[in-house]
């Protein structure tokens, strides 16, 4: 009985090592793939809202205002 458990444990350990090796190879292959996304020229921004939060209409006004300003900035740059 004891030898069967040892054999089963070794079998499971080898199986897990093979699976982890295959997983690492898959992750390396995914890293090498081209996503088609070109991050050059991407601009990010952070917006800090009031600590109390912004209500529905206030949040909509803030987002609409920011979008219109951003469009104006980007069209003047290009």
N, C-alpha and C. Protein backbone atom coordinates (compact mmCIF):
# COMPACT_ATOMS: atom_id res chain seq x y z
N UNK A 1 0.82 -1.19 0.00
CA UNK A 1 0.00 0.00 0.00
C UNK A 1 0.87 1.25 0.00
N UNK A 2 1.91 1.25 0.83
CA UNK A 2 2.78 2.41 0.93
C UNK A 2 3.51 2.66 -0.39
N UNK A 3 3.97 1.62 -1.04
CA UNK A 3 4.69 1.80 -2.30
C UNK A 3 3.76 2.34 -3.39
N UNK A 4 2.49 1.97 -3.37
CA UNK A 4 1.54 2.49 -4.34
C UNK A 4 1.33 3.99 -4.14
N UNK A 5 1.29 4.42 -2.87
CA UNK A 5 1.13 5.85 -2.60
C UNK A 5 2.36 6.64 -3.03
N UNK A 6 3.55 6.07 -2.85
CA UNK A 6 4.78 6.74 -3.27
C UNK A 6 4.80 6.87 -4.79
N UNK A 7 4.42 5.81 -5.47
CA UNK A 7 4.40 5.85 -6.94
C UNK A 7 3.37 6.88 -7.43
N UNK A 8 2.22 6.91 -6.78
CA UNK A 8 1.19 7.89 -7.16
C UNK A 8 1.69 9.32 -6.92
N UNK A 9 2.38 9.53 -5.81
CA UNK A 9 2.90 10.87 -5.50
C UNK A 9 3.94 11.31 -6.52
N UNK A 10 4.82 10.40 -6.89
CA UNK A 10 5.85 10.73 -7.89
C UNK A 10 5.20 11.01 -9.24
N UNK A 11 4.19 10.22 -9.59
CA UNK A 11 3.49 10.41 -10.86
C UNK A 11 2.81 11.78 -10.90
N UNK A 12 2.16 12.15 -9.82
CA UNK A 12 1.50 13.46 -9.76
C UNK A 12 2.53 14.58 -9.83
N UNK A 13 3.68 14.42 -9.14
CA UNK A 13 4.72 15.45 -9.16
C UNK A 13 5.28 15.64 -10.57
N UNK A 14 5.54 14.54 -11.27
CA UNK A 14 6.06 14.65 -12.63
C UNK A 14 5.01 15.28 -13.55
N UNK A 15 3.76 14.88 -13.39
CA UNK A 15 2.68 15.45 -14.19
C UNK A 15 2.59 16.96 -13.98
N UNK A 16 2.67 17.41 -12.74
CA UNK A 16 2.60 18.84 -12.45
C UNK A 16 3.79 19.59 -13.01
N UNK A 17 4.96 19.00 -12.99
CA UNK A 17 6.14 19.65 -13.57
C UNK A 17 6.00 19.79 -15.08
N UNK A 18 5.50 18.75 -15.73
CA UNK A 18 5.30 18.81 -17.18
C UNK A 18 4.27 19.89 -17.52
N UNK A 19 3.18 19.93 -16.76
CA UNK A 19 2.14 20.94 -17.02
C UNK A 19 2.67 22.35 -16.80
N UNK A 20 3.46 22.55 -15.76
CA UNK A 20 4.00 23.89 -15.51
C UNK A 20 4.99 24.29 -16.61
N UNK A 21 5.76 23.35 -17.09
CA UNK A 21 6.67 23.64 -18.21
C UNK A 21 5.92 24.03 -19.46
N UNK A 22 4.83 23.30 -19.75
CA UNK A 22 4.02 23.64 -20.92
C UNK A 22 3.35 25.00 -20.76
N UNK A 23 2.92 25.31 -19.56
CA UNK A 23 2.31 26.61 -19.30
C UNK A 23 3.32 27.74 -19.50
N UNK A 24 4.54 27.55 -19.03
CA UNK A 24 5.57 28.58 -19.22
C UNK A 24 5.88 28.77 -20.70
N UNK A 25 5.95 27.69 -21.46
CA UNK A 25 6.20 27.82 -22.89
C UNK A 25 5.05 28.55 -23.58
N UNK A 26 3.83 28.29 -23.16
CA UNK A 26 2.68 28.99 -23.73
C UNK A 26 2.73 30.48 -23.41
N UNK A 27 3.11 30.81 -22.19
CA UNK A 27 3.20 32.22 -21.81
C UNK A 27 4.30 32.94 -22.60
N UNK A 28 5.41 32.25 -22.83
CA UNK A 28 6.48 32.85 -23.63
C UNK A 28 5.99 33.09 -25.06
N UNK A 29 5.23 32.15 -25.61
CA UNK A 29 4.71 32.31 -26.97
C UNK A 29 3.72 33.47 -27.04
N UNK A 30 2.91 33.65 -26.02
CA UNK A 30 1.95 34.75 -26.00
C UNK A 30 2.67 36.09 -25.91
N UNK A 31 3.75 36.14 -25.14
CA UNK A 31 4.52 37.38 -25.03
C UNK A 31 5.13 37.78 -26.36
N UNK A 32 5.47 36.81 -27.19
CA UNK A 32 6.09 37.12 -28.48
C UNK A 32 5.08 37.55 -29.54
N UNK A 33 3.80 37.33 -29.30
CA UNK A 33 2.78 37.69 -30.28
C UNK A 33 2.64 39.21 -30.40
N UNK A 34 2.39 39.63 -31.59
CA UNK A 34 2.13 41.05 -31.83
C UNK A 34 0.63 41.29 -31.64
N UNK A 35 0.30 42.26 -30.79
CA UNK A 35 -1.11 42.55 -30.54
C UNK A 35 -1.70 43.50 -31.57
N UNK A 36 -0.85 44.15 -32.34
CA UNK A 36 -1.34 45.11 -33.32
C UNK A 36 -1.60 46.48 -32.71
N UNK A 37 -1.30 46.63 -31.44
CA UNK A 37 -1.52 47.91 -30.76
C UNK A 37 -0.22 48.68 -30.74
N UNK A 38 -0.26 49.92 -31.21
CA UNK A 38 0.92 50.77 -31.22
C UNK A 38 0.76 51.84 -30.15
N UNK A 39 1.49 51.72 -29.03
CA UNK A 39 1.32 52.68 -27.95
C UNK A 39 1.99 54.03 -28.19
N UNK A 40 2.67 54.20 -29.30
CA UNK A 40 3.34 55.46 -29.58
C UNK A 40 2.31 56.56 -29.83
N UNK A 41 2.46 57.66 -29.15
CA UNK A 41 1.56 58.80 -29.32
C UNK A 41 0.31 58.75 -28.45
N UNK A 42 0.22 57.77 -27.58
CA UNK A 42 -0.95 57.67 -26.70
C UNK A 42 -0.77 58.61 -25.53
N UNK A 43 -1.80 59.33 -25.21
CA UNK A 43 -1.76 60.28 -24.11
C UNK A 43 -2.76 59.84 -23.05
N UNK A 44 -2.34 59.85 -21.80
CA UNK A 44 -3.25 59.50 -20.71
C UNK A 44 -3.43 60.71 -19.79
N UNK A 45 -4.51 60.72 -19.07
CA UNK A 45 -4.78 61.82 -18.15
C UNK A 45 -5.48 61.27 -16.91
N UNK A 46 -5.29 61.95 -15.82
CA UNK A 46 -5.95 61.61 -14.57
C UNK A 46 -6.83 62.77 -14.17
N UNK A 47 -8.06 62.47 -13.78
CA UNK A 47 -9.00 63.50 -13.39
C UNK A 47 -9.36 63.27 -11.92
N UNK A 48 -9.15 64.29 -11.10
CA UNK A 48 -9.49 64.20 -9.68
C UNK A 48 -10.82 64.91 -9.45
N UNK A 49 -11.83 64.14 -9.06
CA UNK A 49 -13.14 64.71 -8.77
C UNK A 49 -13.20 65.14 -7.32
N UNK A 50 -14.17 65.94 -6.95
CA UNK A 50 -14.29 66.39 -5.56
C UNK A 50 -14.43 65.19 -4.60
N UNK A 51 -13.94 65.35 -3.36
CA UNK A 51 -13.98 64.23 -2.41
C UNK A 51 -15.39 63.69 -2.15
N UNK A 52 -16.39 64.52 -2.20
CA UNK A 52 -17.76 64.06 -1.97
C UNK A 52 -18.34 63.30 -3.14
N UNK A 53 -17.63 63.27 -4.23
CA UNK A 53 -18.14 62.60 -5.42
C UNK A 53 -18.95 63.55 -6.27
N UNK A 54 -19.20 63.14 -7.45
CA UNK A 54 -19.98 63.97 -8.37
C UNK A 54 -21.28 63.25 -8.66
N UNK A 55 -22.38 63.99 -8.56
CA UNK A 55 -23.69 63.42 -8.85
C UNK A 55 -23.84 63.14 -10.33
N UNK A 56 -24.97 62.58 -10.73
CA UNK A 56 -25.19 62.18 -12.12
C UNK A 56 -25.01 63.29 -13.12
N UNK A 57 -25.74 64.42 -12.96
CA UNK A 57 -25.66 65.49 -13.96
C UNK A 57 -24.31 66.20 -13.87
N UNK A 58 -23.78 66.32 -12.66
CA UNK A 58 -22.47 66.96 -12.50
C UNK A 58 -21.37 66.12 -13.16
N UNK A 59 -21.43 64.81 -12.96
CA UNK A 59 -20.43 63.93 -13.57
C UNK A 59 -20.54 63.97 -15.09
N UNK A 60 -21.76 64.01 -15.61
CA UNK A 60 -21.96 64.08 -17.06
C UNK A 60 -21.40 65.39 -17.60
N UNK A 61 -21.63 66.49 -16.91
CA UNK A 61 -21.11 67.79 -17.34
C UNK A 61 -19.59 67.78 -17.35
N UNK A 62 -18.99 67.22 -16.28
CA UNK A 62 -17.52 67.17 -16.20
C UNK A 62 -16.95 66.34 -17.34
N UNK A 63 -17.53 65.16 -17.59
CA UNK A 63 -16.99 64.31 -18.65
C UNK A 63 -17.19 64.95 -20.03
N UNK A 64 -18.34 65.55 -20.27
CA UNK A 64 -18.58 66.21 -21.56
C UNK A 64 -17.62 67.37 -21.76
N UNK A 65 -17.37 68.13 -20.71
CA UNK A 65 -16.45 69.26 -20.79
C UNK A 65 -15.03 68.79 -21.09
N UNK A 66 -14.63 67.74 -20.40
CA UNK A 66 -13.27 67.22 -20.62
C UNK A 66 -13.10 66.66 -22.02
N UNK A 67 -14.12 65.96 -22.52
CA UNK A 67 -14.03 65.40 -23.88
C UNK A 67 -13.95 66.52 -24.90
N UNK A 68 -14.76 67.55 -24.75
CA UNK A 68 -14.72 68.64 -25.73
C UNK A 68 -13.38 69.37 -25.69
N UNK A 69 -12.82 69.54 -24.50
CA UNK A 69 -11.50 70.18 -24.40
C UNK A 69 -10.42 69.30 -25.02
N UNK A 70 -10.49 68.00 -24.76
CA UNK A 70 -9.48 67.08 -25.31
C UNK A 70 -9.55 67.04 -26.83
N UNK A 71 -10.75 67.03 -27.38
CA UNK A 71 -10.89 67.03 -28.83
C UNK A 71 -10.30 68.32 -29.41
N UNK A 72 -10.52 69.43 -28.75
CA UNK A 72 -9.96 70.69 -29.21
C UNK A 72 -8.43 70.70 -29.17
N UNK A 73 -7.88 70.12 -28.13
CA UNK A 73 -6.42 70.07 -28.00
C UNK A 73 -5.82 69.18 -29.08
N UNK A 74 -6.40 67.99 -29.26
CA UNK A 74 -5.82 67.04 -30.20
C UNK A 74 -5.99 67.47 -31.65
N UNK A 75 -7.09 68.15 -31.97
CA UNK A 75 -7.25 68.59 -33.36
C UNK A 75 -6.31 69.76 -33.67
N UNK A 76 -5.97 70.57 -32.66
CA UNK A 76 -5.05 71.68 -32.92
C UNK A 76 -3.61 71.17 -33.03
N UNK A 77 -3.29 70.05 -32.38
CA UNK A 77 -1.94 69.50 -32.44
C UNK A 77 -1.70 68.82 -33.77
N UNK A 78 -2.71 68.15 -34.28
CA UNK A 78 -2.54 67.40 -35.54
C UNK A 78 -2.69 68.35 -36.67
